N, C-alpha and C. Protein backbone atom coordinates (compact mmCIF):
# COMPACT_ATOMS: atom_id res chain seq x y z
N MET A 1 5.02 -8.21 10.45
CA MET A 1 4.31 -7.79 9.27
C MET A 1 2.87 -8.28 9.32
N CYS A 2 2.67 -9.51 9.65
CA CYS A 2 1.33 -10.08 9.65
C CYS A 2 0.42 -9.39 10.66
N GLU A 3 0.92 -9.16 11.85
CA GLU A 3 0.12 -8.48 12.87
C GLU A 3 -0.23 -7.07 12.42
N SER A 4 0.70 -6.39 11.79
CA SER A 4 0.44 -5.04 11.29
C SER A 4 -0.64 -5.06 10.21
N PHE A 5 -0.57 -6.03 9.32
CA PHE A 5 -1.57 -6.13 8.26
C PHE A 5 -2.96 -6.35 8.84
N PHE A 6 -3.10 -7.30 9.76
CA PHE A 6 -4.42 -7.58 10.31
C PHE A 6 -4.95 -6.42 11.15
N ALA A 7 -4.08 -5.69 11.82
CA ALA A 7 -4.52 -4.51 12.55
C ALA A 7 -5.04 -3.45 11.58
N THR A 8 -4.35 -3.28 10.46
CA THR A 8 -4.78 -2.32 9.45
C THR A 8 -6.09 -2.76 8.81
N LEU A 9 -6.21 -4.03 8.49
CA LEU A 9 -7.44 -4.57 7.91
C LEU A 9 -8.61 -4.31 8.84
N GLU A 10 -8.43 -4.59 10.11
CA GLU A 10 -9.49 -4.38 11.09
C GLU A 10 -9.86 -2.91 11.18
N CYS A 11 -8.88 -2.05 11.25
CA CYS A 11 -9.13 -0.61 11.42
C CYS A 11 -9.75 0.01 10.17
N GLU A 12 -9.19 -0.29 9.00
CA GLU A 12 -9.61 0.37 7.78
C GLU A 12 -10.84 -0.24 7.13
N LEU A 13 -11.13 -1.49 7.41
CA LEU A 13 -12.25 -2.14 6.71
C LEU A 13 -13.32 -2.64 7.66
N LEU A 14 -12.94 -3.47 8.60
CA LEU A 14 -13.93 -4.17 9.39
C LEU A 14 -14.64 -3.29 10.41
N GLU A 15 -13.94 -2.34 11.01
CA GLU A 15 -14.57 -1.49 12.01
C GLU A 15 -15.43 -0.39 11.40
N ARG A 16 -15.30 -0.16 10.11
CA ARG A 16 -16.04 0.93 9.46
C ARG A 16 -17.34 0.47 8.82
N ARG A 17 -17.61 -0.82 8.81
CA ARG A 17 -18.78 -1.33 8.11
C ARG A 17 -19.50 -2.39 8.93
N ARG A 18 -20.76 -2.57 8.59
CA ARG A 18 -21.55 -3.69 9.09
C ARG A 18 -21.87 -4.55 7.88
N PHE A 19 -21.69 -5.82 8.01
CA PHE A 19 -21.92 -6.74 6.90
C PHE A 19 -23.21 -7.52 7.11
N ALA A 20 -23.93 -7.74 6.03
CA ALA A 20 -25.19 -8.47 6.10
C ALA A 20 -24.97 -9.96 6.30
N SER A 21 -23.84 -10.45 5.86
CA SER A 21 -23.56 -11.89 6.00
C SER A 21 -22.06 -12.13 6.10
N GLN A 22 -21.72 -13.33 6.48
CA GLN A 22 -20.31 -13.71 6.56
C GLN A 22 -19.70 -13.72 5.16
N ALA A 23 -20.49 -14.12 4.17
CA ALA A 23 -20.00 -14.15 2.79
C ALA A 23 -19.67 -12.74 2.31
N GLU A 24 -20.48 -11.76 2.66
CA GLU A 24 -20.21 -10.37 2.28
C GLU A 24 -18.92 -9.87 2.94
N ALA A 25 -18.73 -10.21 4.20
CA ALA A 25 -17.51 -9.82 4.91
C ALA A 25 -16.29 -10.49 4.27
N ARG A 26 -16.42 -11.74 3.90
CA ARG A 26 -15.32 -12.47 3.26
C ARG A 26 -14.95 -11.81 1.93
N MET A 27 -15.96 -11.43 1.14
CA MET A 27 -15.69 -10.79 -0.15
C MET A 27 -15.05 -9.41 0.05
N ALA A 28 -15.48 -8.69 1.07
CA ALA A 28 -14.87 -7.38 1.34
C ALA A 28 -13.40 -7.54 1.70
N CYS A 29 -13.08 -8.55 2.50
CA CYS A 29 -11.68 -8.81 2.86
C CYS A 29 -10.87 -9.20 1.64
N PHE A 30 -11.44 -10.04 0.79
CA PHE A 30 -10.75 -10.46 -0.42
C PHE A 30 -10.50 -9.26 -1.33
N SER A 31 -11.49 -8.39 -1.48
CA SER A 31 -11.33 -7.20 -2.33
C SER A 31 -10.31 -6.24 -1.75
N TYR A 32 -10.20 -6.16 -0.43
CA TYR A 32 -9.23 -5.29 0.23
C TYR A 32 -7.81 -5.75 -0.08
N VAL A 33 -7.61 -7.04 -0.04
CA VAL A 33 -6.26 -7.59 -0.27
C VAL A 33 -5.94 -7.66 -1.75
N GLU A 34 -6.90 -8.02 -2.57
CA GLU A 34 -6.66 -8.25 -3.99
C GLU A 34 -7.63 -7.46 -4.86
N PRO A 35 -7.59 -6.14 -4.80
CA PRO A 35 -8.58 -5.35 -5.52
C PRO A 35 -8.49 -5.45 -7.04
N ARG A 36 -7.35 -5.77 -7.55
CA ARG A 36 -7.17 -5.86 -8.99
C ARG A 36 -6.96 -7.29 -9.45
N GLY A 37 -7.32 -8.23 -8.61
CA GLY A 37 -7.16 -9.63 -8.97
C GLY A 37 -5.72 -10.10 -8.88
N SER A 38 -4.86 -9.36 -8.21
CA SER A 38 -3.47 -9.77 -8.08
C SER A 38 -3.38 -11.01 -7.20
N PRO A 39 -2.38 -11.81 -7.37
CA PRO A 39 -2.32 -13.11 -6.68
C PRO A 39 -1.96 -13.06 -5.21
N ASP A 40 -1.55 -11.93 -4.67
CA ASP A 40 -1.15 -11.92 -3.27
C ASP A 40 -1.31 -10.53 -2.66
N ILE A 41 -0.88 -10.41 -1.45
CA ILE A 41 -1.01 -9.16 -0.69
C ILE A 41 -0.25 -8.01 -1.33
N GLU A 42 0.72 -8.32 -2.15
CA GLU A 42 1.49 -7.27 -2.81
C GLU A 42 0.64 -6.45 -3.77
N GLY A 43 -0.56 -6.94 -4.09
CA GLY A 43 -1.43 -6.24 -5.03
C GLY A 43 -1.82 -4.84 -4.59
N TRP A 44 -2.05 -4.63 -3.32
CA TRP A 44 -2.45 -3.30 -2.86
C TRP A 44 -1.75 -2.90 -1.58
N TYR A 45 -1.74 -3.74 -0.61
CA TYR A 45 -1.31 -3.35 0.73
C TYR A 45 0.09 -2.76 0.74
N ASN A 46 1.02 -3.38 0.08
CA ASN A 46 2.39 -2.88 0.13
C ASN A 46 2.71 -1.78 -0.89
N PRO A 47 2.47 -1.97 -2.19
CA PRO A 47 2.93 -0.95 -3.14
C PRO A 47 2.07 0.29 -3.25
N VAL A 48 0.78 0.20 -2.94
CA VAL A 48 -0.12 1.32 -3.18
C VAL A 48 -0.53 2.02 -1.89
N ARG A 49 -0.64 1.29 -0.81
CA ARG A 49 -1.11 1.85 0.46
C ARG A 49 -0.13 2.90 0.97
N LEU A 50 -0.66 3.98 1.53
CA LEU A 50 0.19 5.03 2.10
C LEU A 50 0.81 4.54 3.40
N HIS A 51 2.10 4.79 3.58
CA HIS A 51 2.82 4.35 4.76
C HIS A 51 3.33 5.56 5.54
N SER A 52 3.07 5.58 6.82
CA SER A 52 3.51 6.72 7.65
C SER A 52 5.03 6.85 7.66
N SER A 53 5.74 5.74 7.60
CA SER A 53 7.20 5.80 7.64
C SER A 53 7.80 6.40 6.37
N LEU A 54 6.98 6.53 5.32
CA LEU A 54 7.45 7.12 4.06
C LEU A 54 6.84 8.50 3.83
N GLY A 55 6.45 9.15 4.92
CA GLY A 55 5.85 10.47 4.79
C GLY A 55 4.45 10.41 4.19
N TYR A 56 3.72 9.36 4.50
CA TYR A 56 2.37 9.14 3.99
C TYR A 56 2.33 9.12 2.47
N ARG A 57 3.33 8.45 1.91
CA ARG A 57 3.36 8.18 0.47
C ARG A 57 3.36 6.68 0.28
N SER A 58 2.96 6.25 -0.88
CA SER A 58 3.04 4.82 -1.19
C SER A 58 4.50 4.47 -1.48
N PRO A 59 4.88 3.21 -1.31
CA PRO A 59 6.26 2.83 -1.65
C PRO A 59 6.59 3.15 -3.10
N MET A 60 5.61 3.00 -4.00
CA MET A 60 5.86 3.29 -5.41
C MET A 60 6.17 4.78 -5.60
N ALA A 61 5.41 5.64 -4.95
CA ALA A 61 5.64 7.08 -5.07
C ALA A 61 6.97 7.47 -4.42
N TYR A 62 7.27 6.87 -3.27
CA TYR A 62 8.51 7.16 -2.57
C TYR A 62 9.72 6.77 -3.43
N GLU A 63 9.65 5.59 -4.05
CA GLU A 63 10.75 5.12 -4.89
C GLU A 63 10.91 5.99 -6.13
N ALA A 64 9.80 6.48 -6.69
CA ALA A 64 9.88 7.35 -7.86
C ALA A 64 10.58 8.66 -7.51
N VAL A 65 10.25 9.23 -6.36
CA VAL A 65 10.90 10.47 -5.93
C VAL A 65 12.38 10.22 -5.64
N ALA A 66 12.68 9.10 -5.01
CA ALA A 66 14.08 8.78 -4.70
C ALA A 66 14.89 8.59 -5.98
N ALA A 67 14.31 7.93 -6.97
CA ALA A 67 15.01 7.72 -8.24
C ALA A 67 15.24 9.05 -8.96
N ALA A 68 14.24 9.92 -8.95
CA ALA A 68 14.38 11.22 -9.60
C ALA A 68 15.43 12.07 -8.90
N THR A 69 15.46 12.01 -7.59
CA THR A 69 16.45 12.76 -6.81
C THR A 69 17.86 12.25 -7.10
N ALA A 70 18.00 10.93 -7.16
CA ALA A 70 19.31 10.34 -7.46
C ALA A 70 19.77 10.70 -8.87
N ALA A 71 18.86 10.69 -9.83
CA ALA A 71 19.21 11.05 -11.21
C ALA A 71 19.64 12.51 -11.29
N ALA A 72 18.93 13.37 -10.59
CA ALA A 72 19.28 14.80 -10.59
C ALA A 72 20.64 15.01 -9.94
N ALA A 73 20.95 14.25 -8.90
CA ALA A 73 22.24 14.37 -8.24
C ALA A 73 23.37 13.91 -9.16
N GLU A 74 23.13 12.87 -9.93
CA GLU A 74 24.14 12.38 -10.87
C GLU A 74 24.42 13.42 -11.96
N VAL A 75 23.36 14.05 -12.46
CA VAL A 75 23.51 15.07 -13.50
C VAL A 75 24.30 16.26 -12.92
N ALA A 76 23.97 16.65 -11.70
CA ALA A 76 24.66 17.79 -11.07
C ALA A 76 26.13 17.49 -10.86
N GLU A 77 26.46 16.25 -10.48
CA GLU A 77 27.86 15.88 -10.26
C GLU A 77 28.64 15.78 -11.55
N ALA A 78 27.96 15.44 -12.64
CA ALA A 78 28.63 15.27 -13.92
C ALA A 78 28.98 16.60 -14.58
N GLN A 79 28.29 17.65 -14.18
CA GLN A 79 28.56 18.96 -14.78
C GLN A 79 29.80 19.58 -14.13
N PRO A 80 30.69 20.15 -14.96
CA PRO A 80 31.94 20.73 -14.40
C PRO A 80 31.71 22.05 -13.71
């Protein structure tokens, strides 16, 4: 997981920009990981970021579709 995160950070943030100072680069990294002030990496990287293994959907979107599909299947099974 850690190696994947740092590879993504490098590809999506660091290779696309030039920073005027080390402090600016540090703040960009901090904003990438914690854009909403969340206390850890779960703030953006995992729940919001699009994942190829989920059909380029975020885990939150994937889980919402899965829950809706499961609910529809339960309703269909309950009908005689």
